Every structure is written in structure tokens, then in C-alpha cells.
Amino acid sequence: GQGTESDIDLLLDVAGNIEGRSFCALGDAAAT
């Protein structure tokens, strides 16, 4: 309950920078 207003978009941004860019599918597994 301590998140900021920008945290949700930040989550999507971080997940988007993992998905399809990691060495194997573990990164995608975390992002999806």
C-alpha cells in the first residue's frame, strides 16, 4: 500500500524491457 501513482506504468515499462530481450525465456516468464 505504499506505491506511487507512476508505479503501474513503471511496472509495464520494466516488463516491456525484459520481454523479448532476455537471453532465455525466464525473463519472458517473469514479464508476462
Full PDB file with SEQRES, HELIX, SHEET, SSBOND, CRYST1, ORIGX, SCALE, CONECT and MASTER records, all heavy atoms in Angstrom:
SEQRES   1 A   32  GLY GLN GLY THR GLU SER ASP ILE ASP LEU LEU LEU ASP          
SEQRES   2 A   32  VAL ALA GLY ASN ILE GLU GLY ARG SER PHE CYS ALA LEU          
SEQRES   3 A   32  GLY ASP ALA ALA ALA THR                                      
HELIX    1 AA1 ASP A    7  ILE A   18  1                                  12    
HELIX    2 AA2 ALA A   25  ALA A   31  1                                   7    
CRYST1    1.000    1.000    1.000  90.00  90.00  90.00 P 1           1          
ORIGX1      1.000000  0.000000  0.000000        0.00000                         
ORIGX2      0.000000  1.000000  0.000000        0.00000                         
ORIGX3      0.000000  0.000000  1.000000        0.00000                         
SCALE1      1.000000  0.000000  0.000000        0.00000                         
SCALE2      0.000000  1.000000  0.000000        0.00000                         
SCALE3      0.000000  0.000000  1.000000        0.00000                         
ATOM      1  N   GLY A   1       0.802  -1.213   0.000  1.00  0.00           N  
ATOM      2  CA  GLY A   1       0.000   0.000   0.000  1.00  0.00           C  
ATOM      3  C   GLY A   1       0.833   1.260   0.000  1.00  0.00           C  
ATOM      4  O   GLY A   1       0.353   2.329   0.392  1.00  0.00           O  
ATOM      5  N   GLN A   2       2.068   1.170  -0.472  1.00  0.00           N  
ATOM      6  CA  GLN A   2       2.990   2.305  -0.439  1.00  0.00           C  
ATOM      7  C   GLN A   2       3.448   2.703  -1.843  1.00  0.00           C  
ATOM      8  O   GLN A   2       4.481   3.337  -2.022  1.00  0.00           O  
ATOM      9  CB  GLN A   2       4.207   1.960   0.428  1.00  0.00           C  
ATOM     10  CG  GLN A   2       3.852   1.644   1.876  1.00  0.00           C  
ATOM     11  CD  GLN A   2       5.024   1.100   2.668  1.00  0.00           C  
ATOM     12  OE1 GLN A   2       6.104   0.892   2.130  1.00  0.00           O  
ATOM     13  NE2 GLN A   2       4.805   0.879   3.958  1.00  0.00           N  
ATOM     14  N   GLY A   3       2.683   2.303  -2.848  1.00  0.00           N  
ATOM     15  CA  GLY A   3       3.066   2.614  -4.217  1.00  0.00           C  
ATOM     16  C   GLY A   3       2.814   4.056  -4.574  1.00  0.00           C  
ATOM     17  O   GLY A   3       2.101   4.788  -3.872  1.00  0.00           O  
ATOM     18  N   THR A   4       3.415   4.487  -5.666  1.00  0.00           N  
ATOM     19  CA  THR A   4       3.208   5.842  -6.183  1.00  0.00           C  
ATOM     20  C   THR A   4       2.347   5.765  -7.433  1.00  0.00           C  
ATOM     21  O   THR A   4       2.146   4.696  -8.020  1.00  0.00           O  
ATOM     22  CB  THR A   4       4.560   6.499  -6.521  1.00  0.00           C  
ATOM     23  OG1 THR A   4       5.182   5.775  -7.597  1.00  0.00           O  
ATOM     24  CG2 THR A   4       5.490   6.479  -5.303  1.00  0.00           C  
ATOM     25  N   GLU A   5       1.845   6.913  -7.859  1.00  0.00           N  
ATOM     26  CA  GLU A   5       0.942   6.952  -8.995  1.00  0.00           C  
ATOM     27  C   GLU A   5       1.602   6.452 -10.283  1.00  0.00           C  
ATOM     28  O   GLU A   5       0.925   5.986 -11.200  1.00  0.00           O  
ATOM     29  CB  GLU A   5       0.427   8.385  -9.211  1.00  0.00           C  
ATOM     30  CG  GLU A   5      -0.403   8.924  -8.046  1.00  0.00           C  
ATOM     31  CD  GLU A   5      -1.664   8.106  -7.794  1.00  0.00           C  
ATOM     32  OE1 GLU A   5      -2.226   7.573  -8.772  1.00  0.00           O  
ATOM     33  OE2 GLU A   5      -2.089   8.004  -6.624  1.00  0.00           O  
ATOM     34  N   SER A   6       2.913   6.550 -10.357  1.00  0.00           N  
ATOM     35  CA  SER A   6       3.614   6.143 -11.579  1.00  0.00           C  
ATOM     36  C   SER A   6       4.045   4.684 -11.564  1.00  0.00           C  
ATOM     37  O   SER A   6       4.587   4.191 -12.564  1.00  0.00           O  
ATOM     38  CB  SER A   6       4.848   7.032 -11.782  1.00  0.00           C  
ATOM     39  OG  SER A   6       5.767   6.855 -10.706  1.00  0.00           O  
ATOM     40  N   ASP A   7       3.806   3.967 -10.464  1.00  0.00           N  
ATOM     41  CA  ASP A   7       4.342   2.614 -10.325  1.00  0.00           C  
ATOM     42  C   ASP A   7       3.742   1.613 -11.318  1.00  0.00           C  
ATOM     43  O   ASP A   7       4.440   0.710 -11.785  1.00  0.00           O  
ATOM     44  CB  ASP A   7       4.132   2.100  -8.893  1.00  0.00           C  
ATOM     45  CG  ASP A   7       5.271   2.507  -7.966  1.00  0.00           C  
ATOM     46  OD1 ASP A   7       6.303   2.976  -8.488  1.00  0.00           O  
ATOM     47  OD2 ASP A   7       5.125   2.349  -6.747  1.00  0.00           O  
ATOM     48  N   ILE A   8       2.464   1.768 -11.618  1.00  0.00           N  
ATOM     49  CA  ILE A   8       1.843   0.799 -12.528  1.00  0.00           C  
ATOM     50  C   ILE A   8       2.437   0.919 -13.919  1.00  0.00           C  
ATOM     51  O   ILE A   8       2.793  -0.083 -14.558  1.00  0.00           O  
ATOM     52  CB  ILE A   8       0.318   0.992 -12.561  1.00  0.00           C  
ATOM     53  CG1 ILE A   8      -0.274   0.734 -11.164  1.00  0.00           C  
ATOM     54  CG2 ILE A   8      -0.322   0.049 -13.585  1.00  0.00           C  
ATOM     55  CD1 ILE A   8      -1.752   1.010 -11.052  1.00  0.00           C  
ATOM     56  N   ASP A   9       2.578   2.154 -14.399  1.00  0.00           N  
ATOM     57  CA  ASP A   9       3.199   2.347 -15.706  1.00  0.00           C  
ATOM     58  C   ASP A   9       4.666   1.946 -15.682  1.00  0.00           C  
ATOM     59  O   ASP A   9       5.198   1.444 -16.683  1.00  0.00           O  
ATOM     60  CB  ASP A   9       3.061   3.804 -16.142  1.00  0.00           C  
ATOM     61  CG  ASP A   9       1.622   4.165 -16.501  1.00  0.00           C  
ATOM     62  OD1 ASP A   9       0.868   3.254 -16.909  1.00  0.00           O  
ATOM     63  OD2 ASP A   9       1.249   5.342 -16.342  1.00  0.00           O  
ATOM     64  N   LEU A  10       5.306   2.133 -14.540  1.00  0.00           N  
ATOM     65  CA  LEU A  10       6.710   1.713 -14.406  1.00  0.00           C  
ATOM     66  C   LEU A  10       6.816   0.192 -14.492  1.00  0.00           C  
ATOM     67  O   LEU A  10       7.749  -0.333 -15.113  1.00  0.00           O  
ATOM     68  CB  LEU A  10       7.286   2.219 -13.078  1.00  0.00           C  
ATOM     69  CG  LEU A  10       8.775   1.913 -12.807  1.00  0.00           C  
ATOM     70  CD1 LEU A  10       9.651   2.474 -13.924  1.00  0.00           C  
ATOM     71  CD2 LEU A  10       9.190   2.491 -11.455  1.00  0.00           C  
ATOM     72  N   LEU A  11       5.863  -0.514 -13.884  1.00  0.00           N  
ATOM     73  CA  LEU A  11       5.842  -1.982 -13.985  1.00  0.00           C  
ATOM     74  C   LEU A  11       5.756  -2.419 -15.440  1.00  0.00           C  
ATOM     75  O   LEU A  11       6.487  -3.307 -15.885  1.00  0.00           O  
ATOM     76  CB  LEU A  11       4.643  -2.553 -13.214  1.00  0.00           C  
ATOM     77  CG  LEU A  11       4.788  -2.811 -11.721  1.00  0.00           C  
ATOM     78  CD1 LEU A  11       3.446  -3.285 -11.149  1.00  0.00           C  
ATOM     79  CD2 LEU A  11       5.866  -3.841 -11.440  1.00  0.00           C  
ATOM     80  N   LEU A  12       4.845  -1.784 -16.176  1.00  0.00           N  
ATOM     81  CA  LEU A  12       4.682  -2.137 -17.586  1.00  0.00           C  
ATOM     82  C   LEU A  12       5.939  -1.814 -18.391  1.00  0.00           C  
ATOM     83  O   LEU A  12       6.333  -2.569 -19.295  1.00  0.00           O  
ATOM     84  CB  LEU A  12       3.480  -1.396 -18.174  1.00  0.00           C  
ATOM     85  CG  LEU A  12       2.102  -1.818 -17.656  1.00  0.00           C  
ATOM     86  CD1 LEU A  12       1.018  -0.872 -18.168  1.00  0.00           C  
ATOM     87  CD2 LEU A  12       1.790  -3.248 -18.062  1.00  0.00           C  
ATOM     88  N   ASP A  13       6.586  -0.712 -18.046  1.00  0.00           N  
ATOM     89  CA  ASP A  13       7.803  -0.322 -18.756  1.00  0.00           C  
ATOM     90  C   ASP A  13       8.932  -1.321 -18.490  1.00  0.00           C  
ATOM     91  O   ASP A  13       9.625  -1.760 -19.429  1.00  0.00           O  
ATOM     92  CB  ASP A  13       8.222   1.078 -18.312  1.00  0.00           C  
ATOM     93  CG  ASP A  13       9.450   1.573 -19.066  1.00  0.00           C  
ATOM     94  OD1 ASP A  13       9.377   1.682 -20.301  1.00  0.00           O  
ATOM     95  OD2 ASP A  13      10.482   1.822 -18.419  1.00  0.00           O  
ATOM     96  N   VAL A  14       9.100  -1.699 -17.230  1.00  0.00           N  
ATOM     97  CA  VAL A  14      10.154  -2.657 -16.882  1.00  0.00           C  
ATOM     98  C   VAL A  14       9.862  -4.013 -17.524  1.00  0.00           C  
ATOM     99  O   VAL A  14      10.752  -4.647 -18.113  1.00  0.00           O  
ATOM    100  CB  VAL A  14      10.286  -2.804 -15.349  1.00  0.00           C  
ATOM    101  CG1 VAL A  14      11.267  -3.922 -14.997  1.00  0.00           C  
ATOM    102  CG2 VAL A  14      10.746  -1.489 -14.728  1.00  0.00           C  
ATOM    103  N   ALA A  15       8.609  -4.473 -17.424  1.00  0.00           N  
ATOM    104  CA  ALA A  15       8.245  -5.764 -18.022  1.00  0.00           C  
ATOM    105  C   ALA A  15       8.472  -5.733 -19.532  1.00  0.00           C  
ATOM    106  O   ALA A  15       8.953  -6.709 -20.122  1.00  0.00           O  
ATOM    107  CB  ALA A  15       6.787  -6.101 -17.711  1.00  0.00           C  
ATOM    108  N   GLY A  16       8.163  -4.613 -20.170  1.00  0.00           N  
ATOM    109  CA  GLY A  16       8.361  -4.493 -21.604  1.00  0.00           C  
ATOM    110  C   GLY A  16       9.816  -4.514 -22.005  1.00  0.00           C  
ATOM    111  O   GLY A  16      10.164  -4.944 -23.107  1.00  0.00           O  
ATOM    112  N   ASN A  17      10.685  -4.050 -21.117  1.00  0.00           N  
ATOM    113  CA  ASN A  17      12.118  -4.059 -21.396  1.00  0.00           C  
ATOM    114  C   ASN A  17      12.769  -5.399 -21.080  1.00  0.00           C  
ATOM    115  O   ASN A  17      13.928  -5.617 -21.441  1.00  0.00           O  
ATOM    116  CB  ASN A  17      12.815  -2.947 -20.617  1.00  0.00           C  
ATOM    117  CG  ASN A  17      12.706  -1.605 -21.307  1.00  0.00           C  
ATOM    118  OD1 ASN A  17      13.330  -1.369 -22.331  1.00  0.00           O  
ATOM    119  ND2 ASN A  17      11.859  -0.732 -20.772  1.00  0.00           N  
ATOM    120  N   ILE A  18      12.040  -6.276 -20.406  1.00  0.00           N  
ATOM    121  CA  ILE A  18      12.532  -7.644 -20.180  1.00  0.00           C  
ATOM    122  C   ILE A  18      12.073  -8.558 -21.307  1.00  0.00           C  
ATOM    123  O   ILE A  18      12.864  -9.300 -21.895  1.00  0.00           O  
ATOM    124  CB  ILE A  18      12.012  -8.204 -18.839  1.00  0.00           C  
ATOM    125  CG1 ILE A  18      12.505  -7.367 -17.660  1.00  0.00           C  
ATOM    126  CG2 ILE A  18      12.452  -9.661 -18.668  1.00  0.00           C  
ATOM    127  CD1 ILE A  18      11.884  -7.779 -16.335  1.00  0.00           C  
ATOM    128  N   GLU A  19      10.781  -8.475 -21.618  1.00  0.00           N  
ATOM    129  CA  GLU A  19      10.168  -9.398 -22.579  1.00  0.00           C  
ATOM    130  C   GLU A  19      10.815  -9.269 -23.952  1.00  0.00           C  
ATOM    131  O   GLU A  19      10.913  -8.178 -24.523  1.00  0.00           O  
ATOM    132  CB  GLU A  19       8.670  -9.121 -22.673  1.00  0.00           C  
ATOM    133  CG  GLU A  19       7.910 -10.179 -23.442  1.00  0.00           C  
ATOM    134  CD  GLU A  19       6.414  -9.943 -23.389  1.00  0.00           C  
ATOM    135  OE1 GLU A  19       5.984  -8.812 -23.075  1.00  0.00           O  
ATOM    136  OE2 GLU A  19       5.670 -10.895 -23.680  1.00  0.00           O  
ATOM    137  N   GLY A  20      11.286 -10.403 -24.478  1.00  0.00           N  
ATOM    138  CA  GLY A  20      11.894 -10.413 -25.800  1.00  0.00           C  
ATOM    139  C   GLY A  20      13.321  -9.929 -25.843  1.00  0.00           C  
ATOM    140  O   GLY A  20      13.942  -9.920 -26.912  1.00  0.00           O  
ATOM    141  N   ARG A  21      13.865  -9.536 -24.690  1.00  0.00           N  
ATOM    142  CA  ARG A  21      15.233  -9.008 -24.662  1.00  0.00           C  
ATOM    143  C   ARG A  21      16.166  -9.824 -23.776  1.00  0.00           C  
ATOM    144  O   ARG A  21      17.363  -9.544 -23.723  1.00  0.00           O  
ATOM    145  CB  ARG A  21      15.233  -7.559 -24.184  1.00  0.00           C  
ATOM    146  CG  ARG A  21      14.558  -6.584 -25.152  1.00  0.00           C  
ATOM    147  CD  ARG A  21      14.508  -5.178 -24.567  1.00  0.00           C  
ATOM    148  NE  ARG A  21      14.102  -4.192 -25.558  1.00  0.00           N  
ATOM    149  CZ  ARG A  21      12.842  -3.900 -25.874  1.00  0.00           C  
ATOM    150  NH1 ARG A  21      11.855  -4.559 -25.252  1.00  0.00           N  
ATOM    151  NH2 ARG A  21      12.551  -3.009 -26.776  1.00  0.00           N  
ATOM    152  N   SER A  22      15.636 -10.813 -23.078  1.00  0.00           N  
ATOM    153  CA  SER A  22      16.479 -11.604 -22.182  1.00  0.00           C  
ATOM    154  C   SER A  22      17.116 -12.758 -22.953  1.00  0.00           C  
ATOM    155  O   SER A  22      16.677 -13.121 -24.043  1.00  0.00           O  
ATOM    156  CB  SER A  22      15.671 -12.138 -20.996  1.00  0.00           C  
ATOM    157  OG  SER A  22      14.572 -12.893 -21.432  1.00  0.00           O  
ATOM    158  N   PHE A  23      18.157 -13.310 -22.363  1.00  0.00           N  
ATOM    159  CA  PHE A  23      18.945 -14.355 -23.032  1.00  0.00           C  
ATOM    160  C   PHE A  23      18.136 -15.622 -23.247  1.00  0.00           C  
ATOM    161  O   PHE A  23      18.321 -16.336 -24.223  1.00  0.00           O  
ATOM    162  CB  PHE A  23      20.191 -14.650 -22.177  1.00  0.00           C  
ATOM    163  CG  PHE A  23      21.313 -15.272 -22.956  1.00  0.00           C  
ATOM    164  CD1 PHE A  23      22.218 -14.479 -23.641  1.00  0.00           C  
ATOM    165  CD2 PHE A  23      21.475 -16.642 -23.016  1.00  0.00           C  
ATOM    166  CE1 PHE A  23      23.255 -15.033 -24.363  1.00  0.00           C  
ATOM    167  CE2 PHE A  23      22.507 -17.217 -23.739  1.00  0.00           C  
ATOM    168  CZ  PHE A  23      23.400 -16.403 -24.421  1.00  0.00           C  
ATOM    169  N   CYS A  24      17.238 -15.931 -22.306  1.00  0.00           N  
ATOM    170  CA  CYS A  24      16.380 -17.108 -22.444  1.00  0.00           C  
ATOM    171  C   CYS A  24      14.965 -16.737 -22.036  1.00  0.00           C  
ATOM    172  O   CYS A  24      14.668 -15.570 -21.773  1.00  0.00           O  
ATOM    173  CB  CYS A  24      16.917 -18.284 -21.601  1.00  0.00           C  
ATOM    174  SG  CYS A  24      16.601 -18.132 -19.827  1.00  0.00           S  
ATOM    175  N   ALA A  25      14.103 -17.717 -21.948  1.00  0.00           N  
ATOM    176  CA  ALA A  25      12.681 -17.460 -21.726  1.00  0.00           C  
ATOM    177  C   ALA A  25      12.326 -17.146 -20.269  1.00  0.00           C  
ATOM    178  O   ALA A  25      11.183 -16.809 -19.980  1.00  0.00           O  
ATOM    179  CB  ALA A  25      11.853 -18.654 -22.192  1.00  0.00           C  
ATOM    180  N   LEU A  26      13.295 -17.227 -19.346  1.00  0.00           N  
ATOM    181  CA  LEU A  26      12.970 -16.926 -17.955  1.00  0.00           C  
ATOM    182  C   LEU A  26      12.522 -15.477 -17.805  1.00  0.00           C  
ATOM    183  O   LEU A  26      11.598 -15.170 -17.052  1.00  0.00           O  
ATOM    184  CB  LEU A  26      14.170 -17.210 -17.035  1.00  0.00           C  
ATOM    185  CG  LEU A  26      13.883 -17.207 -15.531  1.00  0.00           C  
ATOM    186  CD1 LEU A  26      14.834 -18.141 -14.785  1.00  0.00           C  
ATOM    187  CD2 LEU A  26      13.974 -15.819 -14.896  1.00  0.00           C  
ATOM    188  N   GLY A  27      13.168 -14.583 -18.522  1.00  0.00           N  
ATOM    189  CA  GLY A  27      12.767 -13.182 -18.455  1.00  0.00           C  
ATOM    190  C   GLY A  27      11.345 -12.980 -18.937  1.00  0.00           C  
ATOM    191  O   GLY A  27      10.550 -12.271 -18.304  1.00  0.00           O  
ATOM    192  N   ASP A  28      11.008 -13.609 -20.050  1.00  0.00           N  
ATOM    193  CA  ASP A  28       9.636 -13.532 -20.559  1.00  0.00           C  
ATOM    194  C   ASP A  28       8.651 -14.106 -19.549  1.00  0.00           C  
ATOM    195  O   ASP A  28       7.533 -13.602 -19.388  1.00  0.00           O  
ATOM    196  CB  ASP A  28       9.507 -14.303 -21.873  1.00  0.00           C  
ATOM    197  CG  ASP A  28      10.296 -13.664 -23.006  1.00  0.00           C  
ATOM    198  OD1 ASP A  28      10.694 -12.494 -22.854  1.00  0.00           O  
ATOM    199  OD2 ASP A  28      10.517 -14.341 -24.024  1.00  0.00           O  
ATOM    200  N   ALA A  29       9.058 -15.187 -18.877  1.00  0.00           N  
ATOM    201  CA  ALA A  29       8.191 -15.833 -17.890  1.00  0.00           C  
ATOM    202  C   ALA A  29       7.851 -14.886 -16.754  1.00  0.00           C  
ATOM    203  O   ALA A  29       6.761 -14.962 -16.174  1.00  0.00           O  
ATOM    204  CB  ALA A  29       8.871 -17.089 -17.340  1.00  0.00           C  
ATOM    205  N   ALA A  30       8.762 -13.994 -16.416  1.00  0.00           N  
ATOM    206  CA  ALA A  30       8.512 -13.031 -15.347  1.00  0.00           C  
ATOM    207  C   ALA A  30       7.667 -11.860 -15.830  1.00  0.00           C  
ATOM    208  O   ALA A  30       6.842 -11.316 -15.081  1.00  0.00           O  
ATOM    209  CB  ALA A  30       9.840 -12.527 -14.786  1.00  0.00           C  
ATOM    210  N   ALA A  31       7.848 -11.473 -17.073  1.00  0.00           N  
ATOM    211  CA  ALA A  31       7.164 -10.282 -17.579  1.00  0.00           C  
ATOM    212  C   ALA A  31       5.694 -10.529 -17.906  1.00  0.00           C  
ATOM    213  O   ALA A  31       4.840  -9.670 -17.656  1.00  0.00           O  
ATOM    214  CB  ALA A  31       7.887  -9.773 -18.832  1.00  0.00           C  
ATOM    215  N   THR A  32       5.386 -11.708 -18.457  1.00  0.00           N  
ATOM    216  CA  THR A  32       4.023 -11.928 -18.960  1.00  0.00           C  
ATOM    217  C   THR A  32       2.940 -11.923 -17.880  1.00  0.00           C  
ATOM    218  O   THR A  32       1.871 -11.358 -18.111  1.00  0.00           O  
ATOM    219  CB  THR A  32       3.951 -13.229 -19.781  1.00  0.00           C  
ATOM    220  OG1 THR A  32       4.510 -14.321 -19.030  1.00  0.00           O  
ATOM    221  CG2 THR A  32       4.716 -13.092 -21.076  1.00  0.00           C  
TER     222      THR A  32                                                      
MASTER        0    0    0    2    0    0    0    6  221    1    0    3          
END                                                                             
